[in-house]
Amino acid sequence: WRSMTQIVDFIFAETARAAGLQALLIEHAYMAID
């Protein structure tokens, strides 16, 4: 659970930092608490 949260945090942080970068995530997991 912590590992998945860490990865999602990383993706959000990198897309927010970069200019013009979009990440399209296709995923079975759904993070209803985030």
PDB file of all heavy atoms in Angstrom:
ATOM      1  N   TRP A   1       0.837  -1.204   0.000  1.00  0.00           N
ATOM      2  CA  TRP A   1       0.000   0.000   0.000  1.00  0.00           C
ATOM      3  C   TRP A   1       0.870   1.251   0.000  1.00  0.00           C
ATOM      4  O   TRP A   1       0.635   2.188  -0.765  1.00  0.00           O
ATOM      5  CB  TRP A   1      -0.919  -0.014   1.212  1.00  0.00           C
ATOM      6  CG  TRP A   1      -1.913   1.108   1.249  1.00  0.00           C
ATOM      7  CD1 TRP A   1      -3.173   1.125   0.734  1.00  0.00           C
ATOM      8  CD2 TRP A   1      -1.707   2.394   1.849  1.00  0.00           C
ATOM      9  NE1 TRP A   1      -3.773   2.337   0.959  1.00  0.00           N
ATOM     10  CE2 TRP A   1      -2.899   3.134   1.643  1.00  0.00           C
ATOM     11  CE3 TRP A   1      -0.652   2.993   2.534  1.00  0.00           C
ATOM     12  CZ2 TRP A   1      -3.042   4.439   2.095  1.00  0.00           C
ATOM     13  CZ3 TRP A   1      -0.795   4.298   2.984  1.00  0.00           C
ATOM     14  CH2 TRP A   1      -1.988   5.005   2.767  1.00  0.00           C
ATOM     15  N   ARG A   2       1.893   1.247   0.851  1.00  0.00           N
ATOM     16  CA  ARG A   2       2.789   2.410   0.915  1.00  0.00           C
ATOM     17  C   ARG A   2       3.574   2.576  -0.383  1.00  0.00           C
ATOM     18  O   ARG A   2       3.816   3.698  -0.843  1.00  0.00           O
ATOM     19  CB  ARG A   2       3.737   2.277   2.110  1.00  0.00           C
ATOM     20  CG  ARG A   2       3.098   2.616   3.446  1.00  0.00           C
ATOM     21  CD  ARG A   2       4.141   2.716   4.543  1.00  0.00           C
ATOM     22  NE  ARG A   2       4.679   1.403   4.872  1.00  0.00           N
ATOM     23  CZ  ARG A   2       4.185   0.612   5.825  1.00  0.00           C
ATOM     24  NH1 ARG A   2       3.131   1.006   6.523  1.00  0.00           N
ATOM     25  NH2 ARG A   2       4.718  -0.569   6.079  1.00  0.00           N
ATOM     26  N   SER A   3       3.975   1.463  -0.986  1.00  0.00           N
ATOM     27  CA  SER A   3       4.725   1.532  -2.240  1.00  0.00           C
ATOM     28  C   SER A   3       3.881   2.124  -3.358  1.00  0.00           C
ATOM     29  O   SER A   3       4.339   2.982  -4.113  1.00  0.00           O
ATOM     30  CB  SER A   3       5.217   0.129  -2.641  1.00  0.00           C
ATOM     31  OG  SER A   3       6.164  -0.356  -1.716  1.00  0.00           O
ATOM     32  N   MET A   4       2.627   1.664  -3.462  1.00  0.00           N
ATOM     33  CA  MET A   4       1.736   2.218  -4.478  1.00  0.00           C
ATOM     34  C   MET A   4       1.517   3.709  -4.257  1.00  0.00           C
ATOM     35  O   MET A   4       1.533   4.503  -5.209  1.00  0.00           O
ATOM     36  CB  MET A   4       0.396   1.488  -4.444  1.00  0.00           C
ATOM     37  CG  MET A   4       0.294   0.307  -5.386  1.00  0.00           C
ATOM     38  SD  MET A   4       0.269   0.792  -7.124  1.00  0.00           S
ATOM     39  CE  MET A   4      -1.301   1.657  -7.210  1.00  0.00           C
ATOM     40  N   THR A   5       1.310   4.114  -3.018  1.00  0.00           N
ATOM     41  CA  THR A   5       1.115   5.523  -2.703  1.00  0.00           C
ATOM     42  C   THR A   5       2.355   6.338  -3.063  1.00  0.00           C
ATOM     43  O   THR A   5       2.254   7.446  -3.607  1.00  0.00           O
ATOM     44  CB  THR A   5       0.789   5.702  -1.213  1.00  0.00           C
ATOM     45  OG1 THR A   5      -0.379   4.933  -0.880  1.00  0.00           O
ATOM     46  CG2 THR A   5       0.531   7.163  -0.873  1.00  0.00           C
ATOM     47  N   GLN A   6       3.530   5.782  -2.800  1.00  0.00           N
ATOM     48  CA  GLN A   6       4.788   6.459  -3.117  1.00  0.00           C
ATOM     49  C   GLN A   6       4.936   6.662  -4.625  1.00  0.00           C
ATOM     50  O   GLN A   6       5.377   7.730  -5.078  1.00  0.00           O
ATOM     51  CB  GLN A   6       5.962   5.635  -2.582  1.00  0.00           C
ATOM     52  CG  GLN A   6       7.320   6.310  -2.704  1.00  0.00           C
ATOM     53  CD  GLN A   6       8.428   5.480  -2.068  1.00  0.00           C
ATOM     54  OE1 GLN A   6       8.175   4.508  -1.348  1.00  0.00           O
ATOM     55  NE2 GLN A   6       9.667   5.838  -2.348  1.00  0.00           N
ATOM     56  N   ILE A   7       4.554   5.662  -5.407  1.00  0.00           N
ATOM     57  CA  ILE A   7       4.645   5.776  -6.866  1.00  0.00           C
ATOM     58  C   ILE A   7       3.678   6.831  -7.385  1.00  0.00           C
ATOM     59  O   ILE A   7       4.033   7.661  -8.235  1.00  0.00           O
ATOM     60  CB  ILE A   7       4.363   4.414  -7.531  1.00  0.00           C
ATOM     61  CG1 ILE A   7       5.470   3.413  -7.189  1.00  0.00           C
ATOM     62  CG2 ILE A   7       4.247   4.564  -9.043  1.00  0.00           C
ATOM     63  CD1 ILE A   7       5.150   1.989  -7.602  1.00  0.00           C
ATOM     64  N   VAL A   8       2.451   6.818  -6.890  1.00  0.00           N
ATOM     65  CA  VAL A   8       1.455   7.807  -7.325  1.00  0.00           C
ATOM     66  C   VAL A   8       1.906   9.214  -6.936  1.00  0.00           C
ATOM     67  O   VAL A   8       1.768  10.163  -7.718  1.00  0.00           O
ATOM     68  CB  VAL A   8       0.070   7.470  -6.742  1.00  0.00           C
ATOM     69  CG1 VAL A   8      -0.913   8.608  -6.993  1.00  0.00           C
ATOM     70  CG2 VAL A   8      -0.459   6.178  -7.360  1.00  0.00           C
ATOM     71  N   ASP A   9       2.447   9.371  -5.741  1.00  0.00           N
ATOM     72  CA  ASP A   9       2.975  10.671  -5.321  1.00  0.00           C
ATOM     73  C   ASP A   9       4.066  11.141  -6.278  1.00  0.00           C
ATOM     74  O   ASP A   9       4.130  12.325  -6.650  1.00  0.00           O
ATOM     75  CB  ASP A   9       3.552  10.583  -3.903  1.00  0.00           C
ATOM     76  CG  ASP A   9       2.472  10.483  -2.835  1.00  0.00           C
ATOM     77  OD1 ASP A   9       1.294  10.772  -3.136  1.00  0.00           O
ATOM     78  OD2 ASP A   9       2.805  10.103  -1.695  1.00  0.00           O
ATOM     79  N   PHE A  10       4.931  10.213  -6.680  1.00  0.00           N
ATOM     80  CA  PHE A  10       6.022  10.544  -7.606  1.00  0.00           C
ATOM     81  C   PHE A  10       5.473  11.029  -8.949  1.00  0.00           C
ATOM     82  O   PHE A  10       5.935  12.044  -9.485  1.00  0.00           O
ATOM     83  CB  PHE A  10       6.916   9.316  -7.798  1.00  0.00           C
ATOM     84  CG  PHE A  10       7.915   9.458  -8.907  1.00  0.00           C
ATOM     85  CD1 PHE A  10       9.119  10.123  -8.705  1.00  0.00           C
ATOM     86  CD2 PHE A  10       7.667   8.924 -10.170  1.00  0.00           C
ATOM     87  CE1 PHE A  10      10.046  10.253  -9.722  1.00  0.00           C
ATOM     88  CE2 PHE A  10       8.585   9.053 -11.197  1.00  0.00           C
ATOM     89  CZ  PHE A  10       9.768   9.723 -10.972  1.00  0.00           C
ATOM     90  N   ILE A  11       4.496  10.323  -9.481  1.00  0.00           N
ATOM     91  CA  ILE A  11       3.933  10.693 -10.783  1.00  0.00           C
ATOM     92  C   ILE A  11       3.272  12.063 -10.721  1.00  0.00           C
ATOM     93  O   ILE A  11       3.463  12.911 -11.601  1.00  0.00           O
ATOM     94  CB  ILE A  11       2.937   9.621 -11.267  1.00  0.00           C
ATOM     95  CG1 ILE A  11       3.680   8.310 -11.564  1.00  0.00           C
ATOM     96  CG2 ILE A  11       2.186  10.101 -12.511  1.00  0.00           C
ATOM     97  CD1 ILE A  11       2.761   7.149 -11.911  1.00  0.00           C
ATOM     98  N   PHE A  12       2.497  12.303  -9.665  1.00  0.00           N
ATOM     99  CA  PHE A  12       1.860  13.614  -9.520  1.00  0.00           C
ATOM    100  C   PHE A  12       2.913  14.717  -9.387  1.00  0.00           C
ATOM    101  O   PHE A  12       2.779  15.791  -9.984  1.00  0.00           O
ATOM    102  CB  PHE A  12       0.937  13.626  -8.309  1.00  0.00           C
ATOM    103  CG  PHE A  12      -0.471  13.186  -8.600  1.00  0.00           C
ATOM    104  CD1 PHE A  12      -0.959  11.985  -8.107  1.00  0.00           C
ATOM    105  CD2 PHE A  12      -1.316  13.964  -9.377  1.00  0.00           C
ATOM    106  CE1 PHE A  12      -2.255  11.574  -8.377  1.00  0.00           C
ATOM    107  CE2 PHE A  12      -2.606  13.568  -9.658  1.00  0.00           C
ATOM    108  CZ  PHE A  12      -3.086  12.365  -9.157  1.00  0.00           C
ATOM    109  N   ALA A  13       3.951  14.467  -8.601  1.00  0.00           N
ATOM    110  CA  ALA A  13       4.984  15.483  -8.378  1.00  0.00           C
ATOM    111  C   ALA A  13       5.734  15.808  -9.665  1.00  0.00           C
ATOM    112  O   ALA A  13       5.993  16.982  -9.967  1.00  0.00           O
ATOM    113  CB  ALA A  13       5.960  15.007  -7.298  1.00  0.00           C
ATOM    114  N   GLU A  14       6.082  14.792 -10.443  1.00  0.00           N
ATOM    115  CA  GLU A  14       6.851  15.021 -11.662  1.00  0.00           C
ATOM    116  C   GLU A  14       6.022  15.728 -12.738  1.00  0.00           C
ATOM    117  O   GLU A  14       6.528  16.586 -13.454  1.00  0.00           O
ATOM    118  CB  GLU A  14       7.406  13.696 -12.201  1.00  0.00           C
ATOM    119  CG  GLU A  14       8.635  13.219 -11.471  1.00  0.00           C
ATOM    120  CD  GLU A  14       9.752  14.242 -11.479  1.00  0.00           C
ATOM    121  OE1 GLU A  14      10.097  14.732 -12.577  1.00  0.00           O
ATOM    122  OE2 GLU A  14      10.269  14.575 -10.404  1.00  0.00           O
ATOM    123  N   THR A  15       4.757  15.351 -12.871  1.00  0.00           N
ATOM    124  CA  THR A  15       3.921  16.019 -13.874  1.00  0.00           C
ATOM    125  C   THR A  15       3.620  17.460 -13.472  1.00  0.00           C
ATOM    126  O   THR A  15       3.465  18.335 -14.331  1.00  0.00           O
ATOM    127  CB  THR A  15       2.604  15.250 -14.104  1.00  0.00           C
ATOM    128  OG1 THR A  15       1.975  14.985 -12.848  1.00  0.00           O
ATOM    129  CG2 THR A  15       2.877  13.922 -14.791  1.00  0.00           C
ATOM    130  N   ALA A  16       3.563  17.713 -12.166  1.00  0.00           N
ATOM    131  CA  ALA A  16       3.351  19.088 -11.712  1.00  0.00           C
ATOM    132  C   ALA A  16       4.607  19.935 -11.914  1.00  0.00           C
ATOM    133  O   ALA A  16       4.523  21.126 -12.211  1.00  0.00           O
ATOM    134  CB  ALA A  16       2.949  19.092 -10.238  1.00  0.00           C
ATOM    135  N   ARG A  17       5.779  19.305 -11.752  1.00  0.00           N
ATOM    136  CA  ARG A  17       7.041  20.047 -11.891  1.00  0.00           C
ATOM    137  C   ARG A  17       7.346  20.381 -13.340  1.00  0.00           C
ATOM    138  O   ARG A  17       7.826  21.464 -13.658  1.00  0.00           O
ATOM    139  CB  ARG A  17       8.188  19.195 -11.325  1.00  0.00           C
ATOM    140  CG  ARG A  17       9.569  19.837 -11.466  1.00  0.00           C
ATOM    141  CD  ARG A  17      10.684  18.807 -11.461  1.00  0.00           C
ATOM    142  NE  ARG A  17      10.533  17.839 -12.537  1.00  0.00           N
ATOM    143  CZ  ARG A  17      10.839  18.096 -13.818  1.00  0.00           C
ATOM    144  NH1 ARG A  17      11.285  19.294 -14.170  1.00  0.00           N
ATOM    145  NH2 ARG A  17      10.670  17.170 -14.737  1.00  0.00           N
ATOM    146  N   ALA A  18       7.082  19.430 -14.239  1.00  0.00           N
ATOM    147  CA  ALA A  18       7.490  19.582 -15.633  1.00  0.00           C
ATOM    148  C   ALA A  18       6.557  20.529 -16.382  1.00  0.00           C
ATOM    149  O   ALA A  18       5.362  20.600 -16.089  1.00  0.00           O
ATOM    150  CB  ALA A  18       7.516  18.223 -16.316  1.00  0.00           C
ATOM    151  N   ALA A  19       7.118  21.205 -17.349  1.00  0.00           N
ATOM    152  CA  ALA A  19       6.333  22.094 -18.195  1.00  0.00           C
ATOM    153  C   ALA A  19       5.820  21.306 -19.398  1.00  0.00           C
ATOM    154  O   ALA A  19       6.612  20.835 -20.204  1.00  0.00           O
ATOM    155  CB  ALA A  19       7.184  23.274 -18.652  1.00  0.00           C
ATOM    156  N   GLY A  20       4.502  21.150 -19.493  1.00  0.00           N
ATOM    157  CA  GLY A  20       3.933  20.506 -20.666  1.00  0.00           C
ATOM    158  C   GLY A  20       3.994  19.004 -20.679  1.00  0.00           C
ATOM    159  O   GLY A  20       3.880  18.390 -21.735  1.00  0.00           O
ATOM    160  N   LEU A  21       4.194  18.353 -19.521  1.00  0.00           N
ATOM    161  CA  LEU A  21       4.218  16.887 -19.460  1.00  0.00           C
ATOM    162  C   LEU A  21       2.886  16.371 -18.941  1.00  0.00           C
ATOM    163  O   LEU A  21       2.392  16.821 -17.911  1.00  0.00           O
ATOM    164  CB  LEU A  21       5.347  16.396 -18.558  1.00  0.00           C
ATOM    165  CG  LEU A  21       5.435  14.870 -18.366  1.00  0.00           C
ATOM    166  CD1 LEU A  21       5.694  14.170 -19.704  1.00  0.00           C
ATOM    167  CD2 LEU A  21       6.522  14.516 -17.359  1.00  0.00           C
ATOM    168  N   GLN A  22       2.320  15.415 -19.666  1.00  0.00           N
ATOM    169  CA  GLN A  22       1.068  14.786 -19.261  1.00  0.00           C
ATOM    170  C   GLN A  22       1.300  13.291 -19.123  1.00  0.00           C
ATOM    171  O   GLN A  22       1.924  12.663 -19.985  1.00  0.00           O
ATOM    172  CB  GLN A  22      -0.027  15.048 -20.292  1.00  0.00           C
ATOM    173  CG  GLN A  22      -1.375  14.413 -19.929  1.00  0.00           C
ATOM    174  CD  GLN A  22      -2.434  14.681 -20.987  1.00  0.00           C
ATOM    175  OE1 GLN A  22      -2.129  15.229 -22.047  1.00  0.00           O
ATOM    176  NE2 GLN A  22      -3.653  14.297 -20.699  1.00  0.00           N
ATOM    177  N   ALA A  23       0.797  12.700 -18.043  1.00  0.00           N
ATOM    178  CA  ALA A  23       0.888  11.258 -17.833  1.00  0.00           C
ATOM    179  C   ALA A  23      -0.512  10.668 -17.894  1.00  0.00           C
ATOM    180  O   ALA A  23      -1.419  11.114 -17.179  1.00  0.00           O
ATOM    181  CB  ALA A  23       1.536  10.943 -16.493  1.00  0.00           C
ATOM    182  N   LEU A  24      -0.683   9.679 -18.752  1.00  0.00           N
ATOM    183  CA  LEU A  24      -1.942   8.959 -18.867  1.00  0.00           C
ATOM    184  C   LEU A  24      -1.756   7.597 -18.202  1.00  0.00           C
ATOM    185  O   LEU A  24      -0.987   6.771 -18.684  1.00  0.00           O
ATOM    186  CB  LEU A  24      -2.340   8.801 -20.338  1.00  0.00           C
ATOM    187  CG  LEU A  24      -3.582   7.952 -20.624  1.00  0.00           C
ATOM    188  CD1 LEU A  24      -4.816   8.528 -19.953  1.00  0.00           C
ATOM    189  CD2 LEU A  24      -3.802   7.824 -22.131  1.00  0.00           C
ATOM    190  N   LEU A  25      -2.437   7.382 -17.092  1.00  0.00           N
ATOM    191  CA  LEU A  25      -2.294   6.155 -16.313  1.00  0.00           C
ATOM    192  C   LEU A  25      -3.505   5.260 -16.524  1.00  0.00           C
ATOM    193  O   LEU A  25      -4.642   5.672 -16.280  1.00  0.00           O
ATOM    194  CB  LEU A  25      -2.139   6.500 -14.825  1.00  0.00           C
ATOM    195  CG  LEU A  25      -1.995   5.329 -13.860  1.00  0.00           C
ATOM    196  CD1 LEU A  25      -0.729   4.525 -14.170  1.00  0.00           C
ATOM    197  CD2 LEU A  25      -1.968   5.832 -12.418  1.00  0.00           C
ATOM    198  N   ILE A  26      -3.262   4.043 -16.993  1.00  0.00           N
ATOM    199  CA  ILE A  26      -4.312   3.035 -17.149  1.00  0.00           C
ATOM    200  C   ILE A  26      -4.094   2.012 -16.048  1.00  0.00           C
ATOM    201  O   ILE A  26      -3.048   1.360 -15.999  1.00  0.00           O
ATOM    202  CB  ILE A  26      -4.244   2.379 -18.541  1.00  0.00           C
ATOM    203  CG1 ILE A  26      -4.342   3.445 -19.636  1.00  0.00           C
ATOM    204  CG2 ILE A  26      -5.342   1.341 -18.705  1.00  0.00           C
ATOM    205  CD1 ILE A  26      -4.074   2.929 -21.027  1.00  0.00           C
ATOM    206  N   GLU A  27      -5.076   1.865 -15.159  1.00  0.00           N
ATOM    207  CA  GLU A  27      -4.796   1.178 -13.900  1.00  0.00           C
ATOM    208  C   GLU A  27      -6.009   0.425 -13.359  1.00  0.00           C
ATOM    209  O   GLU A  27      -7.134   0.911 -13.428  1.00  0.00           O
ATOM    210  CB  GLU A  27      -4.318   2.220 -12.879  1.00  0.00           C
ATOM    211  CG  GLU A  27      -3.967   1.700 -11.528  1.00  0.00           C
ATOM    212  CD  GLU A  27      -2.950   0.585 -11.597  1.00  0.00           C
ATOM    213  OE1 GLU A  27      -1.823   0.816 -12.068  1.00  0.00           O
ATOM    214  OE2 GLU A  27      -3.305  -0.538 -11.189  1.00  0.00           O
ATOM    215  N   HIS A  28      -5.770  -0.778 -12.822  1.00  0.00           N
ATOM    216  CA  HIS A  28      -6.818  -1.534 -12.138  1.00  0.00           C
ATOM    217  C   HIS A  28      -7.101  -0.954 -10.747  1.00  0.00           C
ATOM    218  O   HIS A  28      -8.235  -0.983 -10.272  1.00  0.00           O
ATOM    219  CB  HIS A  28      -6.417  -3.004 -11.982  1.00  0.00           C
ATOM    220  CG  HIS A  28      -6.536  -3.792 -13.251  1.00  0.00           C
ATOM    221  ND1 HIS A  28      -7.690  -3.832 -13.990  1.00  0.00           N
ATOM    222  CD2 HIS A  28      -5.639  -4.574 -13.904  1.00  0.00           C
ATOM    223  CE1 HIS A  28      -7.511  -4.614 -15.044  1.00  0.00           C
ATOM    224  NE2 HIS A  28      -6.271  -5.062 -15.027  1.00  0.00           N
ATOM    225  N   ALA A  29      -6.051  -0.469 -10.086  1.00  0.00           N
ATOM    226  CA  ALA A  29      -6.223   0.047  -8.726  1.00  0.00           C
ATOM    227  C   ALA A  29      -6.927   1.399  -8.745  1.00  0.00           C
ATOM    228  O   ALA A  29      -6.678   2.226  -9.622  1.00  0.00           O
ATOM    229  CB  ALA A  29      -4.855   0.177  -8.046  1.00  0.00           C
ATOM    230  N   TYR A  30      -7.803   1.604  -7.759  1.00  0.00           N
ATOM    231  CA  TYR A  30      -8.488   2.893  -7.616  1.00  0.00           C
ATOM    232  C   TYR A  30      -8.242   3.398  -6.199  1.00  0.00           C
ATOM    233  O   TYR A  30      -8.511   2.711  -5.219  1.00  0.00           O
ATOM    234  CB  TYR A  30      -9.987   2.747  -7.867  1.00  0.00           C
ATOM    235  CG  TYR A  30     -10.721   4.082  -7.854  1.00  0.00           C
ATOM    236  CD1 TYR A  30     -10.491   5.012  -8.864  1.00  0.00           C
ATOM    237  CD2 TYR A  30     -11.609   4.401  -6.833  1.00  0.00           C
ATOM    238  CE1 TYR A  30     -11.142   6.235  -8.863  1.00  0.00           C
ATOM    239  CE2 TYR A  30     -12.264   5.614  -6.831  1.00  0.00           C
ATOM    240  CZ  TYR A  30     -12.030   6.537  -7.842  1.00  0.00           C
ATOM    241  OH  TYR A  30     -12.664   7.749  -7.835  1.00  0.00           O
ATOM    242  N   MET A  31      -7.728   4.624  -6.099  1.00  0.00           N
ATOM    243  CA  MET A  31      -7.364   5.191  -4.799  1.00  0.00           C
ATOM    244  C   MET A  31      -8.449   6.166  -4.355  1.00  0.00           C
ATOM    245  O   MET A  31      -8.330   7.380  -4.513  1.00  0.00           O
ATOM    246  CB  MET A  31      -5.997   5.867  -4.892  1.00  0.00           C
ATOM    247  CG  MET A  31      -4.895   4.931  -5.335  1.00  0.00           C
ATOM    248  SD  MET A  31      -3.272   5.720  -5.522  1.00  0.00           S
ATOM    249  CE  MET A  31      -2.911   6.157  -3.823  1.00  0.00           C
ATOM    250  N   ALA A  32      -9.513   5.613  -3.792  1.00  0.00           N
ATOM    251  CA  ALA A  32     -10.665   6.427  -3.408  1.00  0.00           C
ATOM    252  C   ALA A  32     -10.340   7.411  -2.296  1.00  0.00           C
ATOM    253  O   ALA A  32     -11.020   8.432  -2.145  1.00  0.00           O
ATOM    254  CB  ALA A  32     -11.821   5.516  -2.986  1.00  0.00           C
ATOM    255  N   ILE A  33      -9.299   7.131  -1.514  1.00  0.00           N
ATOM    256  CA  ILE A  33      -8.963   8.007  -0.383  1.00  0.00           C
ATOM    257  C   ILE A  33      -8.034   9.143  -0.791  1.00  0.00           C
ATOM    258  O   ILE A  33      -7.707   9.994   0.031  1.00  0.00           O
ATOM    259  CB  ILE A  33      -8.314   7.201   0.765  1.00  0.00           C
ATOM    260  CG1 ILE A  33      -7.014   6.537   0.287  1.00  0.00           C
ATOM    261  CG2 ILE A  33      -9.287   6.154   1.297  1.00  0.00           C
ATOM    262  CD1 ILE A  33      -6.244   5.845   1.401  1.00  0.00           C
ATOM    263  N   ASP A  34      -7.579   9.148  -2.038  1.00  0.00           N
ATOM    264  CA  ASP A  34      -6.667  10.188  -2.515  1.00  0.00           C
ATOM    265  C   ASP A  34      -7.454  11.148  -3.410  1.00  0.00           C
ATOM    266  O   ASP A  34      -7.825  10.799  -4.533  1.00  0.00           O
ATOM    267  CB  ASP A  34      -5.514   9.554  -3.291  1.00  0.00           C
ATOM    268  CG  ASP A  34      -4.404  10.543  -3.623  1.00  0.00           C
ATOM    269  OD1 ASP A  34      -4.717  11.721  -3.880  1.00  0.00           O
ATOM    270  OD2 ASP A  34      -3.226  10.136  -3.646  1.00  0.00           O
TER     271      ASP A  34
END
